[in-house]
PDB file of N, CA and C in Angstrom:
ATOM      1  N   UNK A   1      67.150 134.309 128.943  1.00  0.00           N
ATOM      2  CA  UNK A   1      66.899 134.548 130.348  1.00  0.00           C
ATOM      3  C   UNK A   1      66.126 133.363 130.915  1.00  0.00           C
ATOM      4  N   UNK A   2      66.580 132.811 131.983  1.00  0.00           N
ATOM      5  CA  UNK A   2      65.988 131.595 132.537  1.00  0.00           C
ATOM      6  C   UNK A   2      64.717 131.862 133.329  1.00  0.00           C
ATOM      7  N   UNK A   3      64.623 133.013 133.934  1.00  0.00           N
ATOM      8  CA  UNK A   3      63.398 133.365 134.642  1.00  0.00           C
ATOM      9  C   UNK A   3      63.190 134.867 134.517  1.00  0.00           C
ATOM     10  N   UNK A   4      61.961 135.276 134.718  1.00  0.00           N
ATOM     11  CA  UNK A   4      61.613 136.678 134.549  1.00  0.00           C
ATOM     12  C   UNK A   4      60.457 136.993 135.496  1.00  0.00           C
ATOM     13  N   UNK A   5      60.024 138.233 135.498  1.00  0.00           N
ATOM     14  CA  UNK A   5      58.871 138.646 136.291  1.00  0.00           C
ATOM     15  C   UNK A   5      57.944 139.461 135.401  1.00  0.00           C
ATOM     16  N   UNK A   6      56.652 139.361 135.687  1.00  0.00           N
ATOM     17  CA  UNK A   6      55.651 140.097 134.908  1.00  0.00           C
ATOM     18  C   UNK A   6      54.389 140.210 135.744  1.00  0.00           C
ATOM     19  N   UNK A   7      53.552 141.215 135.477  1.00  0.00           N
ATOM     20  CA  UNK A   7      52.305 141.334 136.216  1.00  0.00           C
ATOM     21  C   UNK A   7      51.306 140.250 135.806  1.00  0.00           C
ATOM     22  N   UNK A   8      50.596 139.721 136.781  1.00  0.00           N
ATOM     23  CA  UNK A   8      49.541 138.734 136.524  1.00  0.00           C
ATOM     24  C   UNK A   8      48.383 139.411 135.798  1.00  0.00           C
ATOM     25  N   UNK A   9      47.698 138.642 134.970  1.00  0.00           N
ATOM     26  CA  UNK A   9      46.465 139.049 134.292  1.00  0.00           C
ATOM     27  C   UNK A   9      46.632 140.229 133.328  1.00  0.00           C
ATOM     28  N   UNK A  10      47.866 140.477 132.895  1.00  0.00           N
ATOM     29  CA  UNK A  10      48.165 141.522 131.907  1.00  0.00           C
ATOM     30  C   UNK A  10      48.808 140.857 130.688  1.00  0.00           C
ATOM     31  N   UNK A  11      48.609 141.422 129.488  1.00  0.00           N
ATOM     32  CA  UNK A  11      49.264 140.843 128.309  1.00  0.00           C
ATOM     33  C   UNK A  11      50.781 140.809 128.493  1.00  0.00           C
ATOM     34  N   UNK A  12      51.397 139.761 127.967  1.00  0.00           N
ATOM     35  CA  UNK A  12      52.839 139.589 128.095  1.00  0.00           C
ATOM     36  C   UNK A  12      53.430 139.370 126.708  1.00  0.00           C
ATOM     37  N   UNK A  13      54.331 140.255 126.302  1.00  0.00           N
ATOM     38  CA  UNK A  13      55.014 140.125 125.016  1.00  0.00           C
ATOM     39  C   UNK A  13      56.313 139.372 125.230  1.00  0.00           C
ATOM     40  N   UNK A  14      56.502 138.318 124.429  1.00  0.00           N
ATOM     41  CA  UNK A  14      57.697 137.489 124.521  1.00  0.00           C
ATOM     42  C   UNK A  14      58.418 137.564 123.183  1.00  0.00           C
ATOM     43  N   UNK A  15      59.721 137.837 123.254  1.00  0.00           N
ATOM     44  CA  UNK A  15      60.552 137.986 122.067  1.00  0.00           C
ATOM     45  C   UNK A  15      61.698 136.981 122.150  1.00  0.00           C
ATOM     46  N   UNK A  16      62.030 136.390 121.007  1.00  0.00           N
ATOM     47  CA  UNK A  16      63.125 135.428 120.977  1.00  0.00           C
ATOM     48  C   UNK A  16      63.949 135.640 119.709  1.00  0.00           C
ATOM     49  N   UNK A  17      65.235 135.369 119.804  1.00  0.00           N
ATOM     50  CA  UNK A  17      66.109 135.430 118.642  1.00  0.00           C
ATOM     51  C   UNK A  17      66.390 133.992 118.204  1.00  0.00           C
ATOM     52  N   UNK A  18      66.118 133.689 116.941  1.00  0.00           N
ATOM     53  CA  UNK A  18      66.280 132.334 116.407  1.00  0.00           C
ATOM     54  C   UNK A  18      67.075 132.415 115.107  1.00  0.00           C
ATOM     55  N   UNK A  19      68.105 131.555 115.003  1.00  0.00           N
ATOM     56  CA  UNK A  19      68.922 131.498 113.781  1.00  0.00           C
ATOM     57  C   UNK A  19      69.047 130.054 113.333  1.00  0.00           C
ATOM     58  N   UNK A  20      69.108 129.865 112.024  1.00  0.00           N
ATOM     59  CA  UNK A  20      69.407 128.563 111.453  1.00  0.00           C
ATOM     60  C   UNK A  20      70.038 128.791 110.090  1.00  0.00           C
ATOM     61  N   UNK A  21      71.124 128.066 109.767  1.00  0.00           N
ATOM     62  CA  UNK A  21      71.786 128.267 108.474  1.00  0.00           C
ATOM     63  C   UNK A  21      70.850 128.060 107.282  1.00  0.00           C
ATOM     64  N   UNK A  22      69.859 127.162 107.414  1.00  0.00           N
ATOM     65  CA  UNK A  22      68.956 126.916 106.288  1.00  0.00           C
ATOM     66  C   UNK A  22      67.739 127.836 106.303  1.00  0.00           C
ATOM     67  N   UNK A  23      67.624 128.665 107.331  1.00  0.00           N
ATOM     68  CA  UNK A  23      66.480 129.564 107.448  1.00  0.00           C
ATOM     69  C   UNK A  23      65.439 129.016 108.412  1.00  0.00           C
ATOM     70  N   UNK A  24      64.686 129.900 109.013  1.00  0.00           N
ATOM     71  CA  UNK A  24      63.658 129.522 109.981  1.00  0.00           C
ATOM     72  C   UNK A  24      62.310 129.509 109.266  1.00  0.00           C
ATOM     73  N   UNK A  25      61.626 128.378 109.316  1.00  0.00           N
ATOM     74  CA  UNK A  25      60.306 128.254 108.687  1.00  0.00           C
ATOM     75  C   UNK A  25      59.237 128.856 109.594  1.00  0.00           C
ATOM     76  N   UNK A  26      59.253 128.473 110.881  1.00  0.00           N
ATOM     77  CA  UNK A  26      58.309 129.050 111.848  1.00  0.00           C
ATOM     78  C   UNK A  26      58.816 128.881 113.266  1.00  0.00           C
ATOM     79  N   UNK A  27      58.252 129.715 114.151  1.00  0.00           N
ATOM     80  CA  UNK A  27      58.528 129.640 115.585  1.00  0.00           C
ATOM     81  C   UNK A  27      57.184 129.695 116.291  1.00  0.00           C
ATOM     82  N   UNK A  28      56.960 128.776 117.225  1.00  0.00           N
ATOM     83  CA  UNK A  28      55.738 128.767 118.033  1.00  0.00           C
ATOM     84  C   UNK A  28      56.099 128.964 119.495  1.00  0.00           C
ATOM     85  N   UNK A  29      55.286 129.715 120.193  1.00  0.00           N
ATOM     86  CA  UNK A  29      55.392 129.878 121.628  1.00  0.00           C
ATOM     87  C   UNK A  29      54.417 128.894 122.264  1.00  0.00           C
ATOM     88  N   UNK A  30      54.897 128.038 123.164  1.00  0.00           N
ATOM     89  CA  UNK A  30      54.044 127.106 123.908  1.00  0.00           C
ATOM     90  C   UNK A  30      54.056 127.579 125.349  1.00  0.00           C
ATOM     91  N   UNK A  31      52.894 127.712 125.980  1.00  0.00           N
ATOM     92  CA  UNK A  31      52.841 128.297 127.317  1.00  0.00           C
ATOM     93  C   UNK A  31      51.659 127.776 128.120  1.00  0.00           C
ATOM     94  N   UNK A  32      51.766 127.927 129.445  1.00  0.00           N
ATOM     95  CA  UNK A  32      50.676 127.605 130.366  1.00  0.00           C
ATOM     96  C   UNK A  32      51.046 128.116 131.744  1.00  0.00           C
ATOM     97  N   UNK A  33      50.080 128.045 132.654  1.00  0.00           N
ATOM     98  CA  UNK A  33      50.372 128.316 134.057  1.00  0.00           C
ATOM     99  C   UNK A  33      51.212 127.172 134.610  1.00  0.00           C
ATOM    100  N   UNK A  34      51.930 127.434 135.691  1.00  0.00           N
ATOM    101  CA  UNK A  34      52.743 126.394 136.309  1.00  0.00           C
ATOM    102  C   UNK A  34      51.822 125.512 137.157  1.00  0.00           C
ATOM    103  N   UNK A  35      50.992 124.769 136.471  1.00  0.00           N
ATOM    104  CA  UNK A  35      50.125 123.767 137.072  1.00  0.00           C
ATOM    105  C   UNK A  35      49.896 122.693 136.029  1.00  0.00           C
ATOM    106  N   UNK A  36      49.943 121.464 136.434  1.00  0.00           N
ATOM    107  CA  UNK A  36      49.751 120.388 135.472  1.00  0.00           C
ATOM    108  C   UNK A  36      48.283 120.168 135.134  1.00  0.00           C
ATOM    109  N   UNK A  37      47.404 120.959 135.709  1.00  0.00           N
ATOM    110  CA  UNK A  37      45.981 120.871 135.379  1.00  0.00           C
ATOM    111  C   UNK A  37      45.659 121.576 134.070  1.00  0.00           C
ATOM    112  N   UNK A  38      46.544 122.459 133.615  1.00  0.00           N
ATOM    113  CA  UNK A  38      46.328 123.200 132.368  1.00  0.00           C
ATOM    114  C   UNK A  38      47.098 122.554 131.227  1.00  0.00           C
ATOM    115  N   UNK A  39      46.494 122.575 130.037  1.00  0.00           N
ATOM    116  CA  UNK A  39      47.190 122.148 128.831  1.00  0.00           C
ATOM    117  C   UNK A  39      47.993 123.330 128.286  1.00  0.00           C
ATOM    118  N   UNK A  40      49.041 123.017 127.520  1.00  0.00           N
ATOM    119  CA  UNK A  40      49.795 124.081 126.862  1.00  0.00           C
ATOM    120  C   UNK A  40      48.945 124.709 125.767  1.00  0.00           C
ATOM    121  N   UNK A  41      49.073 126.003 125.611  1.00  0.00           N
ATOM    122  CA  UNK A  41      48.494 126.741 124.495  1.00  0.00           C
ATOM    123  C   UNK A  41      49.627 127.051 123.527  1.00  0.00           C
ATOM    124  N   UNK A  42      49.277 127.328 122.274  1.00  0.00           N
ATOM    125  CA  UNK A  42      50.283 127.612 121.247  1.00  0.00           C
ATOM    126  C   UNK A  42      49.944 128.905 120.528  1.00  0.00           C
ATOM    127  N   UNK A  43      50.946 129.757 120.361  1.00  0.00           N
ATOM    128  CA  UNK A  43      50.816 130.976 119.561  1.00  0.00           C
ATOM    129  C   UNK A  43      51.910 130.986 118.509  1.00  0.00           C
ATOM    130  N   UNK A  44      51.572 131.307 117.257  1.00  0.00           N
ATOM    131  CA  UNK A  44      52.634 131.504 116.272  1.00  0.00           C
ATOM    132  C   UNK A  44      53.374 132.798 116.600  1.00  0.00           C
ATOM    133  N   UNK A  45      54.677 132.789 116.405  1.00  0.00           N
ATOM    134  CA  UNK A  45      55.477 133.982 116.658  1.00  0.00           C
ATOM    135  C   UNK A  45      55.782 134.633 115.311  1.00  0.00           C
ATOM    136  N   UNK A  46      55.636 135.941 115.261  1.00  0.00           N
ATOM    137  CA  UNK A  46      55.811 136.693 114.017  1.00  0.00           C
ATOM    138  C   UNK A  46      57.173 137.383 114.003  1.00  0.00           C
ATOM    139  N   UNK A  47      57.787 137.503 112.831  1.00  0.00           N
ATOM    140  CA  UNK A  47      59.035 138.268 112.731  1.00  0.00           C
ATOM    141  C   UNK A  47      58.784 139.717 113.165  1.00  0.00           C
ATOM    142  N   UNK A  48      59.760 140.291 113.859  1.00  0.00           N
ATOM    143  CA  UNK A  48      59.619 141.669 114.347  1.00  0.00           C
ATOM    144  C   UNK A  48      60.117 142.693 113.341  1.00  0.00           C
ATOM    145  N   UNK A  49      60.849 142.237 112.331  1.00  0.00           N
ATOM    146  CA  UNK A  49      61.495 143.156 111.396  1.00  0.00           C
ATOM    147  C   UNK A  49      62.976 143.277 111.680  1.00  0.00           C
ATOM    148  N   UNK A  50      63.392 142.878 112.888  1.00  0.00           N
ATOM    149  CA  UNK A  50      64.818 142.820 113.206  1.00  0.00           C
ATOM    150  C   UNK A  50      65.333 141.452 112.777  1.00  0.00           C
ATOM    151  N   UNK A  51      66.596 141.352 112.386  1.00  0.00           N
ATOM    152  CA  UNK A  51      67.128 140.061 111.931  1.00  0.00           C
ATOM    153  C   UNK A  51      66.970 138.967 112.990  1.00  0.00           C
ATOM    154  N   UNK A  52      66.411 137.838 112.580  1.00  0.00           N
ATOM    155  CA  UNK A  52      66.304 136.625 113.408  1.00  0.00           C
ATOM    156  C   UNK A  52      65.439 136.788 114.658  1.00  0.00           C
ATOM    157  N   UNK A  53      64.612 137.801 114.745  1.00  0.00           N
ATOM    158  CA  UNK A  53      63.824 138.050 115.951  1.00  0.00           C
ATOM    159  C   UNK A  53      62.338 137.784 115.697  1.00  0.00           C
ATOM    160  N   UNK A  54      61.714 137.074 116.639  1.00  0.00           N
ATOM    161  CA  UNK A  54      60.299 136.719 116.559  1.00  0.00           C
ATOM    162  C   UNK A  54      59.617 137.117 117.862  1.00  0.00           C
ATOM    163  N   UNK A  55      58.290 137.380 117.759  1.00  0.00           N
ATOM    164  CA  UNK A  55      57.572 137.897 118.927  1.00  0.00           C
ATOM    165  C   UNK A  55      56.128 137.410 118.916  1.00  0.00           C
ATOM    166  N   UNK A  56      55.583 137.232 120.124  1.00  0.00           N
ATOM    167  CA  UNK A  56      54.164 136.914 120.299  1.00  0.00           C
ATOM    168  C   UNK A  56      53.686 137.574 121.578  1.00  0.00           C
ATOM    169  N   UNK A  57      52.378 137.880 121.630  1.00  0.00           N
ATOM    170  CA  UNK A  57      51.803 138.469 122.834  1.00  0.00           C
ATOM    171  C   UNK A  57      50.775 137.507 123.418  1.00  0.00           C
ATOM    172  N   UNK A  58      51.001 137.119 124.673  1.00  0.00           N
ATOM    173  CA  UNK A  58      50.084 136.243 125.390  1.00  0.00           C
ATOM    174  C   UNK A  58      48.993 137.126 125.993  1.00  0.00           C
ATOM    175  N   UNK A  59      47.713 136.822 125.730  1.00  0.00           N
ATOM    176  CA  UNK A  59      46.633 137.628 126.301  1.00  0.00           C
ATOM    177  C   UNK A  59      46.622 137.542 127.834  1.00  0.00           C
ATOM    178  N   UNK A  60      46.271 138.624 128.467  1.00  0.00           N
ATOM    179  CA  UNK A  60      46.229 138.678 129.921  1.00  0.00           C
ATOM    180  C   UNK A  60      45.327 137.623 130.545  1.00  0.00           C
ATOM    181  N   UNK A  61      44.244 137.263 129.860  1.00  0.00           N
ATOM    182  CA  UNK A  61      43.345 136.254 130.429  1.00  0.00           C
ATOM    183  C   UNK A  61      43.976 134.860 130.447  1.00  0.00           C
ATOM    184  N   UNK A  62      45.106 134.675 129.749  1.00  0.00           N
ATOM    185  CA  UNK A  62      45.821 133.400 129.787  1.00  0.00           C
ATOM    186  C   UNK A  62      46.908 133.388 130.863  1.00  0.00           C
ATOM    187  N   UNK A  63      46.965 134.451 131.676  1.00  0.00           N
ATOM    188  CA  UNK A  63      47.985 134.569 132.717  1.00  0.00           C
ATOM    189  C   UNK A  63      47.302 134.828 134.060  1.00  0.00           C
ATOM    190  N   UNK A  64      46.561 133.840 134.564  1.00  0.00           N
ATOM    191  CA  UNK A  64      45.856 134.034 135.839  1.00  0.00           C
ATOM    192  C   UNK A  64      46.834 134.172 137.006  1.00  0.00           C
ATOM    193  N   UNK A  65      46.408 134.891 138.029  1.00  0.00           N
ATOM    194  CA  UNK A  65      47.271 135.181 139.173  1.00  0.00           C
ATOM    195  C   UNK A  65      47.513 133.970 140.074  1.00  0.00           C
ATOM    196  N   UNK A  66      46.704 132.944 139.962  1.00  0.00           N
ATOM    197  CA  UNK A  66      46.789 131.817 140.898  1.00  0.00           C
ATOM    198  C   UNK A  66      48.132 131.098 140.844  1.00  0.00           C
ATOM    199  N   UNK A  67      48.715 130.948 139.631  1.00  0.00           N
ATOM    200  CA  UNK A  67      49.984 130.254 139.459  1.00  0.00           C
ATOM    201  C   UNK A  67      50.948 131.124 138.677  1.00  0.00           C
ATOM    202  N   UNK A  68      52.247 130.838 138.806  1.00  0.00           N
ATOM    203  CA  UNK A  68      53.222 131.492 137.950  1.00  0.00           C
ATOM    204  C   UNK A  68      53.036 130.982 136.520  1.00  0.00           C
ATOM    205  N   UNK A  69      53.853 131.458 135.605  1.00  0.00           N
ATOM    206  CA  UNK A  69      53.678 131.232 134.174  1.00  0.00           C
ATOM    207  C   UNK A  69      54.938 130.572 133.617  1.00  0.00           C
ATOM    208  N   UNK A  70      54.785 129.713 132.625  1.00  0.00           N
ATOM    209  CA  UNK A  70      55.942 129.068 132.014  1.00  0.00           C
ATOM    210  C   UNK A  70      55.770 128.994 130.507  1.00  0.00           C
ATOM    211  N   UNK A  71      56.910 128.978 129.784  1.00  0.00           N
ATOM    212  CA  UNK A  71      56.833 128.880 128.331  1.00  0.00           C
ATOM    213  C   UNK A  71      58.104 128.268 127.759  1.00  0.00           C
ATOM    214  N   UNK A  72      57.988 127.811 126.513  1.00  0.00           N
ATOM    215  CA  UNK A  72      59.136 127.369 125.730  1.00  0.00           C
ATOM    216  C   UNK A  72      58.806 127.598 124.265  1.00  0.00           C
ATOM    217  N   UNK A  73      59.774 127.339 123.389  1.00  0.00           N
ATOM    218  CA  UNK A  73      59.605 127.603 121.964  1.00  0.00           C
ATOM    219  C   UNK A  73      59.738 126.310 121.163  1.00  0.00           C
ATOM    220  N   UNK A  74      58.929 126.177 120.116  1.00  0.00           N
ATOM    221  CA  UNK A  74      59.092 125.140 119.108  1.00  0.00           C
ATOM    222  C   UNK A  74      59.538 125.852 117.840  1.00  0.00           C
ATOM    223  N   UNK A  75      60.594 125.336 117.221  1.00  0.00           N
ATOM    224  CA  UNK A  75      61.171 125.976 116.039  1.00  0.00           C
ATOM    225  C   UNK A  75      61.295 124.935 114.926  1.00  0.00           C
ATOM    226  N   UNK A  76      60.948 125.333 113.709  1.00  0.00           N
ATOM    227  CA  UNK A  76      61.116 124.478 112.540  1.00  0.00           C
ATOM    228  C   UNK A  76      61.968 125.229 111.525  1.00  0.00           C
ATOM    229  N   UNK A  77      63.031 124.564 111.028  1.00  0.00           N
ATOM    230  CA  UNK A  77      63.839 125.221 110.004  1.00  0.00           C
ATOM    231  C   UNK A  77      63.264 124.918 108.625  1.00  0.00           C
ATOM    232  N   UNK A  78      63.814 125.534 107.600  1.00  0.00           N
ATOM    233  CA  UNK A  78      63.260 125.405 106.254  1.00  0.00           C
ATOM    234  C   UNK A  78      63.485 124.014 105.652  1.00  0.00           C
ATOM    235  N   UNK A  79      64.277 123.177 106.304  1.00  0.00           N
ATOM    236  CA  UNK A  79      64.494 121.799 105.843  1.00  0.00           C
ATOM    237  C   UNK A  79      63.617 120.791 106.588  1.00  0.00           C
ATOM    238  N   UNK A  80      62.769 121.272 107.495  1.00  0.00           N
ATOM    239  CA  UNK A  80      61.870 120.378 108.228  1.00  0.00           C
ATOM    240  C   UNK A  80      62.442 119.811 109.515  1.00  0.00           C
ATOM    241  N   UNK A  81      63.560 120.365 109.971  1.00  0.00           N
ATOM    242  CA  UNK A  81      64.142 119.937 111.241  1.00  0.00           C
ATOM    243  C   UNK A  81      63.541 120.755 112.373  1.00  0.00           C
ATOM    244  N   UNK A  82      63.037 120.083 113.396  1.00  0.00           N
ATOM    245  CA  UNK A  82      62.420 120.776 114.519  1.00  0.00           C
ATOM    246  C   UNK A  82      63.282 120.732 115.759  1.00  0.00           C
ATOM    247  N   UNK A  83      63.038 121.683 116.631  1.00  0.00           N
ATOM    248  CA  UNK A  83      63.770 121.751 117.890  1.00  0.00           C
ATOM    249  C   UNK A  83      62.909 122.466 118.917  1.00  0.00           C
ATOM    250  N   UNK A  84      63.091 122.083 120.161  1.00  0.00           N
ATOM    251  CA  UNK A  84      62.448 122.770 121.273  1.00  0.00           C
ATOM    252  C   UNK A  84      63.530 123.544 122.013  1.00  0.00           C
ATOM    253  N   UNK A  85      63.235 124.777 122.365  1.00  0.00           N
ATOM    254  CA  UNK A  85      64.182 125.630 123.083  1.00  0.00           C
ATOM    255  C   UNK A  85      63.496 126.212 124.313  1.00  0.00           C
ATOM    256  N   UNK A  86      64.119 126.261 125.434  1.00  0.00           N
ATOM    257  CA  UNK A  86      65.463 125.820 125.752  1.00  0.00           C
ATOM    258  C   UNK A  86      65.629 124.310 125.544  1.00  0.00           C
ATOM    259  N   UNK A  87      66.862 123.911 125.270  1.00  0.00           N
ATOM    260  CA  UNK A  87      67.216 122.534 124.946  1.00  0.00           C
ATOM    261  C   UNK A  87      67.294 121.683 126.214  1.00  0.00           C
ATOM    262  N   UNK A  88      66.481 120.632 126.285  1.00  0.00           N
ATOM    263  CA  UNK A  88      66.433 119.736 127.435  1.00  0.00           C
ATOM    264  C   UNK A  88      67.794 119.124 127.744  1.00  0.00           C
ATOM    265  N   UNK A  89      68.620 118.897 126.747  1.00  0.00           N
ATOM    266  CA  UNK A  89      69.934 118.295 126.971  1.00  0.00           C
ATOM    267  C   UNK A  89      70.922 119.251 127.634  1.00  0.00           C
ATOM    268  N   UNK A  90      70.588 120.542 127.663  1.00  0.00           N
ATOM    269  CA  UNK A  90      71.531 121.527 128.205  1.00  0.00           C
ATOM    270  C   UNK A  90      71.016 122.317 129.391  1.00  0.00           C
ATOM    271  N   UNK A  91      69.688 122.361 129.562  1.00  0.00           N
ATOM    272  CA  UNK A  91      69.128 123.183 130.637  1.00  0.00           C
ATOM    273  C   UNK A  91      67.662 122.828 130.860  1.00  0.00           C
ATOM    274  N   UNK A  92      67.054 123.458 131.828  1.00  0.00           N
ATOM    275  CA  UNK A  92      65.629 123.263 132.072  1.00  0.00           C
ATOM    276  C   UNK A  92      64.877 123.644 130.803  1.00  0.00           C
ATOM    277  N   UNK A  93      63.961 122.772 130.326  1.00  0.00           N
ATOM    278  CA  UNK A  93      63.358 122.996 128.999  1.00  0.00           C
ATOM    279  C   UNK A  93      62.193 123.984 128.971  1.00  0.00           C
ATOM    280  N   UNK A  94      62.203 124.957 129.859  1.00  0.00           N
ATOM    281  CA  UNK A  94      61.187 126.004 129.848  1.00  0.00           C
ATOM    282  C   UNK A  94      61.704 127.197 130.631  1.00  0.00           C
ATOM    283  N   UNK A  95      61.035 128.317 130.456  1.00  0.00           N
ATOM    284  CA  UNK A  95      61.355 129.544 131.188  1.00  0.00           C
ATOM    285  C   UNK A  95      60.197 129.804 132.143  1.00  0.00           C
ATOM    286  N   UNK A  96      60.495 130.139 133.375  1.00  0.00           N
ATOM    287  CA  UNK A  96      59.471 130.444 134.370  1.00  0.00           C
ATOM    288  C   UNK A  96      59.370 131.950 134.562  1.00  0.00           C
ATOM    289  N   UNK A  97      58.139 132.443 134.606  1.00  0.00           N
ATOM    290  CA  UNK A  97      57.892 133.859 134.860  1.00  0.00           C
ATOM    291  C   UNK A  97      57.200 133.974 136.213  1.00  0.00           C
ATOM    292  N   UNK A  98      57.850 134.622 137.151  1.00  0.00           N
ATOM    293  CA  UNK A  98      57.269 134.875 138.473  1.00  0.00           C
ATOM    294  C   UNK A  98      56.255 136.001 138.312  1.00  0.00           C
ATOM    295  N   UNK A  99      55.009 135.709 138.640  1.00  0.00           N
ATOM    296  CA  UNK A  99      53.966 136.721 138.462  1.00  0.00           C
ATOM    297  C   UNK A  99      53.894 137.651 139.654  1.00  0.00           C
ATOM    298  N   UNK A 100      53.738 138.925 139.355  1.00  0.00           N
ATOM    299  CA  UNK A 100      53.544 139.953 140.376  1.00  0.00           C
ATOM    300  C   UNK A 100      52.040 140.071 140.586  1.00  0.00           C
ATOM    301  N   UNK A 101      51.607 139.780 141.803  1.00  0.00           N
ATOM    302  CA  UNK A 101      50.181 139.756 142.106  1.00  0.00           C
ATOM    303  C   UNK A 101      49.814 140.934 142.991  1.00  0.00           C
ATOM    304  N   UNK A 102      48.609 141.468 142.767  1.00  0.00           N
ATOM    305  CA  UNK A 102      48.088 142.499 143.656  1.00  0.00           C
ATOM    306  C   UNK A 102      47.463 141.788 144.844  1.00  0.00           C
ATOM    307  N   UNK A 103      48.104 141.898 145.979  1.00  0.00           N
ATOM    308  CA  UNK A 103      47.610 141.258 147.196  1.00  0.00           C
ATOM    309  C   UNK A 103      46.532 142.120 147.828  1.00  0.00           C
ATOM    310  N   UNK A 104      45.446 141.470 148.224  1.00  0.00           N
ATOM    311  CA  UNK A 104      44.392 142.215 148.923  1.00  0.00           C
ATOM    312  C   UNK A 104      44.836 142.492 150.349  1.00  0.00           C
ATOM    313  N   UNK A 105      44.539 143.688 150.863  1.00  0.00           N
ATOM    314  CA  UNK A 105      44.903 143.987 152.246  1.00  0.00           C
ATOM    315  C   UNK A 105      44.085 143.118 153.206  1.00  0.00           C
ATOM    316  N   UNK A 106      44.658 142.747 154.353  1.00  0.00           N
ATOM    317  CA  UNK A 106      43.902 141.942 155.321  1.00  0.00           C
ATOM    318  C   UNK A 106      42.689 142.702 155.838  1.00  0.00           C
ATOM    319  N   UNK A 107      41.628 141.957 156.172  1.00  0.00           N
ATOM    320  CA  UNK A 107      40.401 142.601 156.676  1.00  0.00           C
ATOM    321  C   UNK A 107      40.354 142.580 158.168  1.00  0.00           C
TER     322      UNK A 107
END
């Protein structure tokens, strides 16, 4: 999915399906707010128990309401070959999450 929606300041669970003929060594979630003032954070993604599926939960305090949210995946196979997904050669190299914000009523 290229874009999604989620509530601001709430934990966000991200799930991805990853396959490699030689096996997947690890999957990392890289994420930040859609602002170049923030550095990317990294979370290891854990197998869910379903074939080829990995998951991580971003803490709500890492999803401030001021900006939308973006993420991508780093994957390493068991032979030491790495890849970033989404693939820059085929599409935008990140997924954007439009945050749902609680707007204060006008005074």
